[in-house]
C-alpha atoms as a PDB file:
ATOM      1  CA  ARG A   1     -19.468  -0.281   8.219  1.00  0.00           C
ATOM      2  CA  HIS A   2     -20.348  -2.017   4.925  1.00  0.00           C
ATOM      3  CA  LEU A   3     -18.080  -1.332   1.879  1.00  0.00           C
ATOM      4  CA  PRO A   4     -19.256  -2.449  -1.574  1.00  0.00           C
ATOM      5  CA  GLU A   5     -17.394  -5.387  -2.873  1.00  0.00           C
ATOM      6  CA  THR A   6     -17.170  -3.755  -6.290  1.00  0.00           C
ATOM      7  CA  LEU A   7     -15.316  -0.752  -4.902  1.00  0.00           C
ATOM      8  CA  MET A   8     -12.324   0.002  -7.104  1.00  0.00           C
ATOM      9  CA  ARG A   9     -10.911   3.107  -5.540  1.00  0.00           C
ATOM     10  CA  LEU A  10     -10.325   3.686  -1.791  1.00  0.00           C
ATOM     11  CA  VAL A  11      -8.883   6.991  -0.681  1.00  0.00           C
ATOM     12  CA  LEU A  12      -8.669   7.575   3.032  1.00  0.00           C
ATOM     13  CA  HIS A  13      -7.297  11.015   3.909  1.00  0.00           C
ATOM     14  CA  ASP A  14      -6.818  11.921   7.487  1.00  0.00           C
ATOM     15  CA  CYS A  15      -9.335   9.493   8.710  1.00  0.00           C
ATOM     16  CA  PRO A  16      -9.186   7.736  11.959  1.00  0.00           C
ATOM     17  CA  VAL A  17      -8.146   4.427  10.338  1.00  0.00           C
ATOM     18  CA  ASN A  18      -5.156   2.345  11.161  1.00  0.00           C
ATOM     19  CA  ASP A  19      -3.642  -0.950  10.764  1.00  0.00           C
ATOM     20  CA  ARG A  20      -6.339  -2.866  12.569  1.00  0.00           C
ATOM     21  CA  HIS A  21      -8.968  -1.626  10.056  1.00  0.00           C
ATOM     22  CA  LEU A  22      -7.192  -2.761   6.969  1.00  0.00           C
ATOM     23  CA  PRO A  23      -7.925  -6.472   7.408  1.00  0.00           C
ATOM     24  CA  LEU A  24     -11.691  -5.652   7.869  1.00  0.00           C
ATOM     25  CA  ILE A  25     -11.580  -3.453   4.673  1.00  0.00           C
ATOM     26  CA  ALA A  26      -9.803  -6.466   2.984  1.00  0.00           C
ATOM     27  CA  GLU A  27     -12.562  -8.821   3.860  1.00  0.00           C
ATOM     28  CA  GLN A  28     -15.063  -6.676   1.963  1.00  0.00           C
ATOM     29  CA  CYS A  29     -13.109  -5.183  -0.878  1.00  0.00           C
ATOM     30  CA  HIS A  30     -11.302  -7.545  -3.536  1.00  0.00           C
ATOM     31  CA  ARG A  31     -11.484  -5.395  -6.505  1.00  0.00           C
ATOM     32  CA  LEU A  32      -9.340  -2.398  -5.436  1.00  0.00           C
ATOM     33  CA  VAL A  33      -7.358  -0.832  -8.243  1.00  0.00           C
ATOM     34  CA  HIS A  34      -6.388   2.350  -6.361  1.00  0.00           C
ATOM     35  CA  LEU A  35      -5.564   2.528  -2.749  1.00  0.00           C
ATOM     36  CA  VAL A  36      -4.662   5.707  -1.003  1.00  0.00           C
ATOM     37  CA  LEU A  37      -3.981   5.924   2.749  1.00  0.00           C
ATOM     38  CA  MET A  38      -2.873   9.284   4.006  1.00  0.00           C
ATOM     39  CA  GLY A  39      -2.451  10.464   7.603  1.00  0.00           C
ATOM     40  CA  GLY A  40      -2.621   7.013   9.288  1.00  0.00           C
ATOM     41  CA  ILE A  41      -0.124   4.782  10.793  1.00  0.00           C
ATOM     42  CA  PHE A  42       0.142   1.487   8.966  1.00  0.00           C
ATOM     43  CA  SER A  43       2.399  -1.439   8.929  1.00  0.00           C
ATOM     44  CA  ASP A  44       3.134  -4.556   6.953  1.00  0.00           C
ATOM     45  CA  ASP A  45       0.355  -6.565   8.655  1.00  0.00           C
ATOM     46  CA  GLY A  46      -2.447  -4.247   7.419  1.00  0.00           C
ATOM     47  CA  LEU A  47      -1.052  -3.543   4.117  1.00  0.00           C
ATOM     48  CA  VAL A  48      -0.248  -7.210   3.307  1.00  0.00           C
ATOM     49  CA  ALA A  49      -3.805  -8.128   4.190  1.00  0.00           C
ATOM     50  CA  ILE A  50      -5.228  -5.728   1.763  1.00  0.00           C
ATOM     51  CA  ILE A  51      -2.727  -6.323  -0.961  1.00  0.00           C
ATOM     52  CA  THR A  52      -3.110 -10.102  -1.078  1.00  0.00           C
ATOM     53  CA  VAL A  53      -6.716 -10.048  -1.837  1.00  0.00           C
ATOM     54  CA  ASN A  54      -6.564  -7.216  -4.350  1.00  0.00           C
ATOM     55  CA  PRO A  55      -4.421  -8.417  -7.272  1.00  0.00           C
ATOM     56  CA  ALA A  56      -5.634  -5.694  -9.561  1.00  0.00           C
ATOM     57  CA  LEU A  57      -4.018  -2.945  -7.428  1.00  0.00           C
ATOM     58  CA  GLU A  58      -2.261  -0.460  -9.612  1.00  0.00           C
ATOM     59  CA  ASP A  59      -1.629   2.395  -7.314  1.00  0.00           C
ATOM     60  CA  VAL A  60      -0.767   2.032  -3.646  1.00  0.00           C
ATOM     61  CA  ILE A  61      -0.008   5.216  -1.858  1.00  0.00           C
ATOM     62  CA  VAL A  62       0.716   5.278   1.851  1.00  0.00           C
ATOM     63  CA  VAL A  63       1.653   8.546   3.639  1.00  0.00           C
ATOM     64  CA  ALA A  64       2.108   8.855   7.320  1.00  0.00           C
ATOM     65  CA  PRO A  65       0.676  11.702   9.276  1.00  0.00           C
ATOM     66  CA  ARG A  66       2.125  15.105   8.660  1.00  0.00           C
ATOM     67  CA  THR A  67       3.560  15.103  12.240  1.00  0.00           C
ATOM     68  CA  MET A  68       5.732  12.079  11.474  1.00  0.00           C
ATOM     69  CA  ILE A  69       8.890  12.623   9.572  1.00  0.00           C
ATOM     70  CA  GLN A  70      10.036   9.010   9.537  1.00  0.00           C
ATOM     71  CA  SER A  71       8.667   5.622  10.462  1.00  0.00           C
ATOM     72  CA  ASN A  72       9.901   1.948  10.236  1.00  0.00           C
ATOM     73  CA  THR A  73       6.608   0.105  10.290  1.00  0.00           C
ATOM     74  CA  ILE A  74       6.643  -0.780   6.504  1.00  0.00           C
ATOM     75  CA  THR A  75       9.215  -3.357   5.432  1.00  0.00           C
ATOM     76  CA  TYR A  76      10.220  -5.581   2.509  1.00  0.00           C
ATOM     77  CA  ARG A  77       7.303  -7.786   3.609  1.00  0.00           C
ATOM     78  CA  THR A  78       4.997  -5.319   1.886  1.00  0.00           C
ATOM     79  CA  VAL A  79       7.255  -4.873  -0.984  1.00  0.00           C
ATOM     80  CA  GLU A  80       7.373  -8.685  -1.596  1.00  0.00           C
ATOM     81  CA  SER A  81       3.561  -8.756  -1.276  1.00  0.00           C
ATOM     82  CA  LEU A  82       3.252  -6.235  -3.970  1.00  0.00           C
ATOM     83  CA  VAL A  83       5.695  -8.038  -6.276  1.00  0.00           C
ATOM     84  CA  THR A  84       3.872 -11.410  -5.740  1.00  0.00           C
ATOM     85  CA  HIS A  85       0.249 -10.156  -5.925  1.00  0.00           C
ATOM     86  CA  CYS A  86       0.215  -6.939  -7.874  1.00  0.00           C
ATOM     87  CA  LYS A  87       1.481  -7.557 -11.393  1.00  0.00           C
ATOM     88  CA  ASN A  88      -0.070  -4.519 -12.815  1.00  0.00           C
ATOM     89  CA  LEU A  89       1.396  -2.017 -10.130  1.00  0.00           C
ATOM     90  CA  LYS A  90       1.993   1.331 -11.648  1.00  0.00           C
ATOM     91  CA  GLN A  91       2.548   3.513  -8.568  1.00  0.00           C
ATOM     92  CA  PHE A  92       3.962   2.767  -5.133  1.00  0.00           C
ATOM     93  CA  VAL A  93       4.434   5.800  -3.044  1.00  0.00           C
ATOM     94  CA  CYS A  94       5.490   5.309   0.594  1.00  0.00           C
ATOM     95  CA  PRO A  95       7.759   8.055   1.751  1.00  0.00           C
ATOM     96  CA  GLY A  96       9.533   8.231   5.156  1.00  0.00           C
ATOM     97  CA  GLN A  97       9.659   4.453   5.795  1.00  0.00           C
ATOM     98  CA  SER A  98      13.339   3.948   6.816  1.00  0.00           C
ATOM     99  CA  ARG A  99      13.370   0.123   6.268  1.00  0.00           C
ATOM    100  CA  ILE A 100      12.467   0.401   2.510  1.00  0.00           C
ATOM    101  CA  ALA A 101      13.858   3.899   1.730  1.00  0.00           C
ATOM    102  CA  GLN A 102      16.677   2.606  -0.466  1.00  0.00           C
ATOM    103  CA  VAL A 103      17.517   2.546  -4.115  1.00  0.00           C
ATOM    104  CA  ALA A 104      17.490  -1.267  -4.047  1.00  0.00           C
ATOM    105  CA  THR A 105      13.802  -1.221  -3.242  1.00  0.00           C
ATOM    106  CA  VAL A 106      13.040   0.964  -6.321  1.00  0.00           C
ATOM    107  CA  GLU A 107      15.247  -1.315  -8.457  1.00  0.00           C
ATOM    108  CA  TYR A 108      13.627  -4.573  -7.129  1.00  0.00           C
ATOM    109  CA  LEU A 109      10.251  -3.202  -7.811  1.00  0.00           C
ATOM    110  CA  LYS A 110      11.090  -1.983 -11.464  1.00  0.00           C
ATOM    111  CA  ALA A 111      12.599  -5.511 -12.083  1.00  0.00           C
ATOM    112  CA  HIS A 112       9.405  -7.310 -11.035  1.00  0.00           C
ATOM    113  CA  CYS A 113       6.558  -4.973 -11.678  1.00  0.00           C
ATOM    114  CA  PHE A 114       6.882  -4.217 -15.439  1.00  0.00           C
ATOM    115  CA  SER A 115       4.084  -1.556 -15.468  1.00  0.00           C
ATOM    116  CA  LEU A 116       5.763   0.520 -12.729  1.00  0.00           C
ATOM    117  CA  GLU A 117       5.837   4.126 -13.600  1.00  0.00           C
ATOM    118  CA  LEU A 118       6.332   5.823 -10.271  1.00  0.00           C
ATOM    119  CA  CYS A 119       8.084   4.545  -7.148  1.00  0.00           C
ATOM    120  CA  ASP A 120       8.687   6.921  -4.296  1.00  0.00           C
ATOM    121  CA  VAL A 121       9.993   5.484  -1.035  1.00  0.00           C
END
């Protein structure tokens, strides 16, 4: 399906979208400021694809399905991509991801993303 290239806010809540869809979205959307993905299963591959082409991202919120308490599909690769590409990042919310659920992740993001207001990992 076609998405407008001028799209600035993408909110997907309990949609049947997963990691393989994010590169397709990334091909069409290069001006995202707000990205909210709730209820899907995503990994570094999909997130990095969308982060690298959307340097204006300020909010990145990724929440696994309610039936999942913990996951390990998102790693420092996504965090590095945010630091490299999203200089105006204000919010990064990605709970339940065991590989990045550390104080060091929050400190690293705060040290490199000077606009960061909320980091919940």
